[in-house]
PDB file of all heavy atoms in Angstrom:
ATOM      1  N   TYR A   1       6.418 -10.515 -11.390  1.00  0.00           N
ATOM      2  CA  TYR A   1       5.776 -11.788 -11.069  1.00  0.00           C
ATOM      3  C   TYR A   1       4.871 -11.658  -9.855  1.00  0.00           C
ATOM      4  O   TYR A   1       5.248 -11.088  -8.827  1.00  0.00           O
ATOM      5  CB  TYR A   1       6.846 -12.854 -10.813  1.00  0.00           C
ATOM      6  CG  TYR A   1       6.298 -14.145 -10.294  1.00  0.00           C
ATOM      7  CD1 TYR A   1       5.459 -14.928 -11.067  1.00  0.00           C
ATOM      8  CD2 TYR A   1       6.624 -14.591  -9.012  1.00  0.00           C
ATOM      9  CE1 TYR A   1       4.943 -16.117 -10.590  1.00  0.00           C
ATOM     10  CE2 TYR A   1       6.128 -15.784  -8.523  1.00  0.00           C
ATOM     11  CZ  TYR A   1       5.277 -16.535  -9.315  1.00  0.00           C
ATOM     12  OH  TYR A   1       4.769 -17.714  -8.831  1.00  0.00           O
ATOM     13  N   ARG A   2       3.680 -12.197  -9.980  1.00  0.00           N
ATOM     14  CA  ARG A   2       2.714 -12.235  -8.872  1.00  0.00           C
ATOM     15  C   ARG A   2       2.366 -13.686  -8.619  1.00  0.00           C
ATOM     16  O   ARG A   2       1.760 -14.349  -9.474  1.00  0.00           O
ATOM     17  CB  ARG A   2       1.464 -11.446  -9.255  1.00  0.00           C
ATOM     18  CG  ARG A   2       0.433 -11.289  -8.132  1.00  0.00           C
ATOM     19  CD  ARG A   2       0.946 -10.370  -7.049  1.00  0.00           C
ATOM     20  NE  ARG A   2      -0.142  -9.927  -6.173  1.00  0.00           N
ATOM     21  CZ  ARG A   2      -0.592 -10.618  -5.108  1.00  0.00           C
ATOM     22  NH1 ARG A   2      -0.069 -11.805  -4.818  1.00  0.00           N
ATOM     23  NH2 ARG A   2      -1.551 -10.135  -4.349  1.00  0.00           N
ATOM     24  N   PRO A   3       2.748 -14.237  -7.468  1.00  0.00           N
ATOM     25  CA  PRO A   3       2.508 -15.666  -7.195  1.00  0.00           C
ATOM     26  C   PRO A   3       1.022 -16.013  -7.216  1.00  0.00           C
ATOM     27  O   PRO A   3       0.174 -15.210  -6.811  1.00  0.00           O
ATOM     28  CB  PRO A   3       3.105 -15.860  -5.791  1.00  0.00           C
ATOM     29  CG  PRO A   3       4.062 -14.732  -5.615  1.00  0.00           C
ATOM     30  CD  PRO A   3       3.497 -13.586  -6.377  1.00  0.00           C
ATOM     31  N   ARG A   4       0.727 -17.224  -7.680  1.00  0.00           N
ATOM     32  CA  ARG A   4      -0.643 -17.721  -7.742  1.00  0.00           C
ATOM     33  C   ARG A   4      -0.738 -19.097  -7.085  1.00  0.00           C
ATOM     34  O   ARG A   4       0.218 -19.867  -7.093  1.00  0.00           O
ATOM     35  CB  ARG A   4      -1.132 -17.798  -9.192  1.00  0.00           C
ATOM     36  CG  ARG A   4      -1.235 -16.431  -9.871  1.00  0.00           C
ATOM     37  CD  ARG A   4      -1.754 -16.534 -11.299  1.00  0.00           C
ATOM     38  NE  ARG A   4      -1.874 -15.203 -11.893  1.00  0.00           N
ATOM     39  CZ  ARG A   4      -2.936 -14.433 -11.776  1.00  0.00           C
ATOM     40  NH1 ARG A   4      -3.990 -14.874 -11.092  1.00  0.00           N
ATOM     41  NH2 ARG A   4      -2.987 -13.229 -12.336  1.00  0.00           N
ATOM     42  N   LEU A   5      -1.899 -19.379  -6.540  1.00  0.00           N
ATOM     43  CA  LEU A   5      -2.177 -20.671  -5.925  1.00  0.00           C
ATOM     44  C   LEU A   5      -2.518 -21.691  -7.006  1.00  0.00           C
ATOM     45  O   LEU A   5      -2.747 -21.321  -8.170  1.00  0.00           O
ATOM     46  CB  LEU A   5      -3.328 -20.514  -4.934  1.00  0.00           C
ATOM     47  CG  LEU A   5      -3.060 -19.584  -3.741  1.00  0.00           C
ATOM     48  CD1 LEU A   5      -4.317 -19.426  -2.890  1.00  0.00           C
ATOM     49  CD2 LEU A   5      -1.896 -20.083  -2.896  1.00  0.00           C
ATOM     50  N   PRO A   6      -2.563 -22.990  -6.675  1.00  0.00           N
ATOM     51  CA  PRO A   6      -2.850 -24.013  -7.700  1.00  0.00           C
ATOM     52  C   PRO A   6      -4.152 -23.777  -8.458  1.00  0.00           C
ATOM     53  O   PRO A   6      -4.274 -24.151  -9.624  1.00  0.00           O
ATOM     54  CB  PRO A   6      -2.913 -25.302  -6.870  1.00  0.00           C
ATOM     55  CG  PRO A   6      -2.025 -25.044  -5.709  1.00  0.00           C
ATOM     56  CD  PRO A   6      -2.195 -23.591  -5.388  1.00  0.00           C
ATOM     57  N   GLY A   7      -5.135 -23.126  -7.810  1.00  0.00           N
ATOM     58  CA  GLY A   7      -6.398 -22.868  -8.484  1.00  0.00           C
ATOM     59  C   GLY A   7      -6.364 -21.694  -9.447  1.00  0.00           C
ATOM     60  O   GLY A   7      -7.351 -21.445 -10.144  1.00  0.00           O
ATOM     61  N   GLY A   8      -5.240 -20.964  -9.482  1.00  0.00           N
ATOM     62  CA  GLY A   8      -5.106 -19.830 -10.380  1.00  0.00           C
ATOM     63  C   GLY A   8      -5.331 -18.483  -9.726  1.00  0.00           C
ATOM     64  O   GLY A   8      -5.016 -17.440 -10.310  1.00  0.00           O
ATOM     65  N   GLU A   9      -5.881 -18.459  -8.495  1.00  0.00           N
ATOM     66  CA  GLU A   9      -6.116 -17.191  -7.823  1.00  0.00           C
ATOM     67  C   GLU A   9      -4.799 -16.633  -7.269  1.00  0.00           C
ATOM     68  O   GLU A   9      -3.854 -17.379  -7.004  1.00  0.00           O
ATOM     69  CB  GLU A   9      -7.145 -17.346  -6.697  1.00  0.00           C
ATOM     70  CG  GLU A   9      -6.755 -18.316  -5.588  1.00  0.00           C
ATOM     71  CD  GLU A   9      -7.158 -19.748  -5.857  1.00  0.00           C
ATOM     72  OE1 GLU A   9      -7.345 -20.093  -7.044  1.00  0.00           O
ATOM     73  OE2 GLU A   9      -7.268 -20.522  -4.893  1.00  0.00           O
ATOM     74  N   LEU A  10      -4.747 -15.311  -7.100  1.00  0.00           N
ATOM     75  CA  LEU A  10      -3.543 -14.660  -6.602  1.00  0.00           C
ATOM     76  C   LEU A  10      -3.261 -15.109  -5.172  1.00  0.00           C
ATOM     77  O   LEU A  10      -4.162 -15.176  -4.331  1.00  0.00           O
ATOM     78  CB  LEU A  10      -3.697 -13.139  -6.645  1.00  0.00           C
ATOM     79  CG  LEU A  10      -3.752 -12.500  -8.041  1.00  0.00           C
ATOM     80  CD1 LEU A  10      -4.027 -11.010  -7.930  1.00  0.00           C
ATOM     81  CD2 LEU A  10      -2.456 -12.743  -8.799  1.00  0.00           C
ATOM     82  N   ALA A  11      -2.005 -15.417  -4.913  1.00  0.00           N
ATOM     83  CA  ALA A  11      -1.609 -15.870  -3.577  1.00  0.00           C
ATOM     84  C   ALA A  11      -1.466 -14.676  -2.648  1.00  0.00           C
ATOM     85  O   ALA A  11      -0.948 -13.629  -3.047  1.00  0.00           O
ATOM     86  CB  ALA A  11      -0.284 -16.630  -3.654  1.00  0.00           C
ATOM     87  N   PRO A  12      -1.929 -14.797  -1.415  1.00  0.00           N
ATOM     88  CA  PRO A  12      -1.736 -13.701  -0.451  1.00  0.00           C
ATOM     89  C   PRO A  12      -0.260 -13.576  -0.085  1.00  0.00           C
ATOM     90  O   PRO A  12       0.415 -14.573   0.170  1.00  0.00           O
ATOM     91  CB  PRO A  12      -2.579 -14.140   0.752  1.00  0.00           C
ATOM     92  CG  PRO A  12      -2.673 -15.636   0.636  1.00  0.00           C
ATOM     93  CD  PRO A  12      -2.643 -15.943  -0.826  1.00  0.00           C
ATOM     94  N   MET A  13       0.234 -12.338  -0.077  1.00  0.00           N
ATOM     95  CA  MET A  13       1.630 -12.094   0.297  1.00  0.00           C
ATOM     96  C   MET A  13       1.658 -11.172   1.510  1.00  0.00           C
ATOM     97  O   MET A  13       0.906 -10.189   1.556  1.00  0.00           O
ATOM     98  CB  MET A  13       2.412 -11.462  -0.859  1.00  0.00           C
ATOM     99  CG  MET A  13       2.603 -12.356  -2.058  1.00  0.00           C
ATOM    100  SD  MET A  13       3.865 -11.720  -3.210  1.00  0.00           S
ATOM    101  CE  MET A  13       3.156 -10.145  -3.667  1.00  0.00           C
ATOM    102  N   PRO A  14       2.521 -11.446   2.489  1.00  0.00           N
ATOM    103  CA  PRO A  14       2.650 -10.525   3.625  1.00  0.00           C
ATOM    104  C   PRO A  14       3.152  -9.159   3.155  1.00  0.00           C
ATOM    105  O   PRO A  14       3.829  -9.058   2.129  1.00  0.00           O
ATOM    106  CB  PRO A  14       3.670 -11.223   4.536  1.00  0.00           C
ATOM    107  CG  PRO A  14       4.391 -12.189   3.656  1.00  0.00           C
ATOM    108  CD  PRO A  14       3.427 -12.601   2.596  1.00  0.00           C
ATOM    109  N   TRP A  15       2.836  -8.124   3.921  1.00  0.00           N
ATOM    110  CA  TRP A  15       3.145  -6.760   3.457  1.00  0.00           C
ATOM    111  C   TRP A  15       4.631  -6.532   3.200  1.00  0.00           C
ATOM    112  O   TRP A  15       4.973  -5.814   2.246  1.00  0.00           O
ATOM    113  CB  TRP A  15       2.586  -5.727   4.436  1.00  0.00           C
ATOM    114  CG  TRP A  15       3.254  -5.665   5.785  1.00  0.00           C
ATOM    115  CD1 TRP A  15       2.852  -6.279   6.923  1.00  0.00           C
ATOM    116  CD2 TRP A  15       4.430  -4.912   6.128  1.00  0.00           C
ATOM    117  NE1 TRP A  15       3.702  -5.996   7.967  1.00  0.00           N
ATOM    118  CE2 TRP A  15       4.679  -5.141   7.505  1.00  0.00           C
ATOM    119  CE3 TRP A  15       5.294  -4.093   5.419  1.00  0.00           C
ATOM    120  CZ2 TRP A  15       5.760  -4.570   8.168  1.00  0.00           C
ATOM    121  CZ3 TRP A  15       6.370  -3.522   6.083  1.00  0.00           C
ATOM    122  CH2 TRP A  15       6.596  -3.760   7.439  1.00  0.00           C
ATOM    123  N   PRO A  16       5.589  -7.121   3.958  1.00  0.00           N
ATOM    124  CA  PRO A  16       7.001  -6.884   3.608  1.00  0.00           C
ATOM    125  C   PRO A  16       7.372  -7.458   2.239  1.00  0.00           C
ATOM    126  O   PRO A  16       8.155  -6.850   1.501  1.00  0.00           O
ATOM    127  CB  PRO A  16       7.775  -7.579   4.731  1.00  0.00           C
ATOM    128  CG  PRO A  16       6.821  -7.677   5.861  1.00  0.00           C
ATOM    129  CD  PRO A  16       5.491  -7.891   5.210  1.00  0.00           C
ATOM    130  N   VAL A  17       6.799  -8.620   1.894  1.00  0.00           N
ATOM    131  CA  VAL A  17       7.099  -9.220   0.592  1.00  0.00           C
ATOM    132  C   VAL A  17       6.462  -8.400  -0.525  1.00  0.00           C
ATOM    133  O   VAL A  17       7.064  -8.206  -1.593  1.00  0.00           O
ATOM    134  CB  VAL A  17       6.619 -10.684   0.543  1.00  0.00           C
ATOM    135  CG1 VAL A  17       6.915 -11.307  -0.813  1.00  0.00           C
ATOM    136  CG2 VAL A  17       7.288 -11.506   1.648  1.00  0.00           C
ATOM    137  N   SER A  18       5.242  -7.893  -0.299  1.00  0.00           N
ATOM    138  CA  SER A  18       4.599  -7.037  -1.294  1.00  0.00           C
ATOM    139  C   SER A  18       5.409  -5.762  -1.522  1.00  0.00           C
ATOM    140  O   SER A  18       5.578  -5.312  -2.666  1.00  0.00           O
ATOM    141  CB  SER A  18       3.178  -6.680  -0.829  1.00  0.00           C
ATOM    142  OG  SER A  18       2.373  -7.830  -0.721  1.00  0.00           O
ATOM    143  N   LEU A  19       5.916  -5.177  -0.435  1.00  0.00           N
ATOM    144  CA  LEU A  19       6.737  -3.971  -0.556  1.00  0.00           C
ATOM    145  C   LEU A  19       8.054  -4.283  -1.267  1.00  0.00           C
ATOM    146  O   LEU A  19       8.549  -3.488  -2.073  1.00  0.00           O
ATOM    147  CB  LEU A  19       7.004  -3.404   0.841  1.00  0.00           C
ATOM    148  CG  LEU A  19       7.318  -1.906   0.957  1.00  0.00           C
ATOM    149  CD1 LEU A  19       6.223  -1.068   0.335  1.00  0.00           C
ATOM    150  CD2 LEU A  19       7.523  -1.527   2.415  1.00  0.00           C
ATOM    151  N   TYR A  20       8.614  -5.441  -0.982  1.00  0.00           N
ATOM    152  CA  TYR A  20       9.830  -5.913  -1.662  1.00  0.00           C
ATOM    153  C   TYR A  20       9.592  -6.019  -3.168  1.00  0.00           C
ATOM    154  O   TYR A  20      10.419  -5.583  -3.981  1.00  0.00           O
ATOM    155  CB  TYR A  20      10.196  -7.267  -1.052  1.00  0.00           C
ATOM    156  CG  TYR A  20      11.392  -7.984  -1.633  1.00  0.00           C
ATOM    157  CD1 TYR A  20      12.538  -7.307  -2.012  1.00  0.00           C
ATOM    158  CD2 TYR A  20      11.376  -9.376  -1.756  1.00  0.00           C
ATOM    159  CE1 TYR A  20      13.634  -7.986  -2.522  1.00  0.00           C
ATOM    160  CE2 TYR A  20      12.460 -10.059  -2.248  1.00  0.00           C
ATOM    161  CZ  TYR A  20      13.594  -9.365  -2.627  1.00  0.00           C
ATOM    162  OH  TYR A  20      14.675 -10.048  -3.127  1.00  0.00           O
ATOM    163  N   ARG A  21       8.451  -6.559  -3.540  1.00  0.00           N
ATOM    164  CA  ARG A  21       8.103  -6.697  -4.960  1.00  0.00           C
ATOM    165  C   ARG A  21       7.976  -5.329  -5.633  1.00  0.00           C
ATOM    166  O   ARG A  21       8.397  -5.141  -6.781  1.00  0.00           O
ATOM    167  CB  ARG A  21       6.806  -7.480  -5.086  1.00  0.00           C
ATOM    168  CG  ARG A  21       6.246  -7.564  -6.499  1.00  0.00           C
ATOM    169  CD  ARG A  21       4.942  -8.341  -6.524  1.00  0.00           C
ATOM    170  NE  ARG A  21       4.357  -8.317  -7.874  1.00  0.00           N
ATOM    171  CZ  ARG A  21       3.488  -7.407  -8.278  1.00  0.00           C
ATOM    172  NH1 ARG A  21       3.098  -6.441  -7.444  1.00  0.00           N
ATOM    173  NH2 ARG A  21       2.997  -7.441  -9.500  1.00  0.00           N
ATOM    174  N   ILE A  22       7.397  -4.357  -4.928  1.00  0.00           N
ATOM    175  CA  ILE A  22       7.169  -3.034  -5.510  1.00  0.00           C
ATOM    176  C   ILE A  22       8.459  -2.225  -5.620  1.00  0.00           C
ATOM    177  O   ILE A  22       8.719  -1.585  -6.652  1.00  0.00           O
ATOM    178  CB  ILE A  22       6.130  -2.261  -4.661  1.00  0.00           C
ATOM    179  CG1 ILE A  22       4.768  -2.951  -4.752  1.00  0.00           C
ATOM    180  CG2 ILE A  22       6.024  -0.809  -5.113  1.00  0.00           C
ATOM    181  CD1 ILE A  22       3.749  -2.410  -3.774  1.00  0.00           C
ATOM    182  N   LEU A  23       9.295  -2.262  -4.579  1.00  0.00           N
ATOM    183  CA  LEU A  23      10.448  -1.366  -4.501  1.00  0.00           C
ATOM    184  C   LEU A  23      11.700  -1.899  -5.191  1.00  0.00           C
ATOM    185  O   LEU A  23      12.563  -1.110  -5.581  1.00  0.00           O
ATOM    186  CB  LEU A  23      10.787  -1.074  -3.027  1.00  0.00           C
ATOM    187  CG  LEU A  23       9.738  -0.305  -2.221  1.00  0.00           C
ATOM    188  CD1 LEU A  23      10.193  -0.170  -0.774  1.00  0.00           C
ATOM    189  CD2 LEU A  23       9.488   1.069  -2.824  1.00  0.00           C
ATOM    190  N   ASN A  24      11.811  -3.203  -5.345  1.00  0.00           N
ATOM    191  CA  ASN A  24      13.084  -3.766  -5.802  1.00  0.00           C
ATOM    192  C   ASN A  24      12.921  -4.446  -7.165  1.00  0.00           C
ATOM    193  O   ASN A  24      12.701  -5.654  -7.261  1.00  0.00           O
ATOM    194  CB  ASN A  24      13.613  -4.765  -4.767  1.00  0.00           C
ATOM    195  CG  ASN A  24      15.096  -4.985  -4.887  1.00  0.00           C
ATOM    196  OD1 ASN A  24      15.633  -5.038  -5.986  1.00  0.00           O
ATOM    197  ND2 ASN A  24      15.770  -5.124  -3.760  1.00  0.00           N
ATOM    198  N   HIS A  25      13.042  -3.666  -8.225  1.00  0.00           N
ATOM    199  CA  HIS A  25      12.924  -4.237  -9.569  1.00  0.00           C
ATOM    200  C   HIS A  25      14.147  -5.063  -9.947  1.00  0.00           C
ATOM    201  O   HIS A  25      14.098  -5.887 -10.859  1.00  0.00           O
ATOM    202  CB  HIS A  25      12.734  -3.121 -10.598  1.00  0.00           C
ATOM    203  CG  HIS A  25      13.979  -2.328 -10.880  1.00  0.00           C
ATOM    204  ND1 HIS A  25      14.881  -2.682 -11.857  1.00  0.00           N
ATOM    205  CD2 HIS A  25      14.475  -1.220 -10.284  1.00  0.00           C
ATOM    206  CE1 HIS A  25      15.879  -1.814 -11.860  1.00  0.00           C
ATOM    207  NE2 HIS A  25      15.666  -0.924 -10.922  1.00  0.00           N
TER     208      HIS A  25
END
C-alpha cells in the first residue's frame, strides 16, 4: 500500500515510514 492524498497524488512519507514499508512485509 502506498498512501495517496485526496487528489490522487502519492502522499509524502518520512524516510523511517518509507523504510518500514520496504523492510516489513
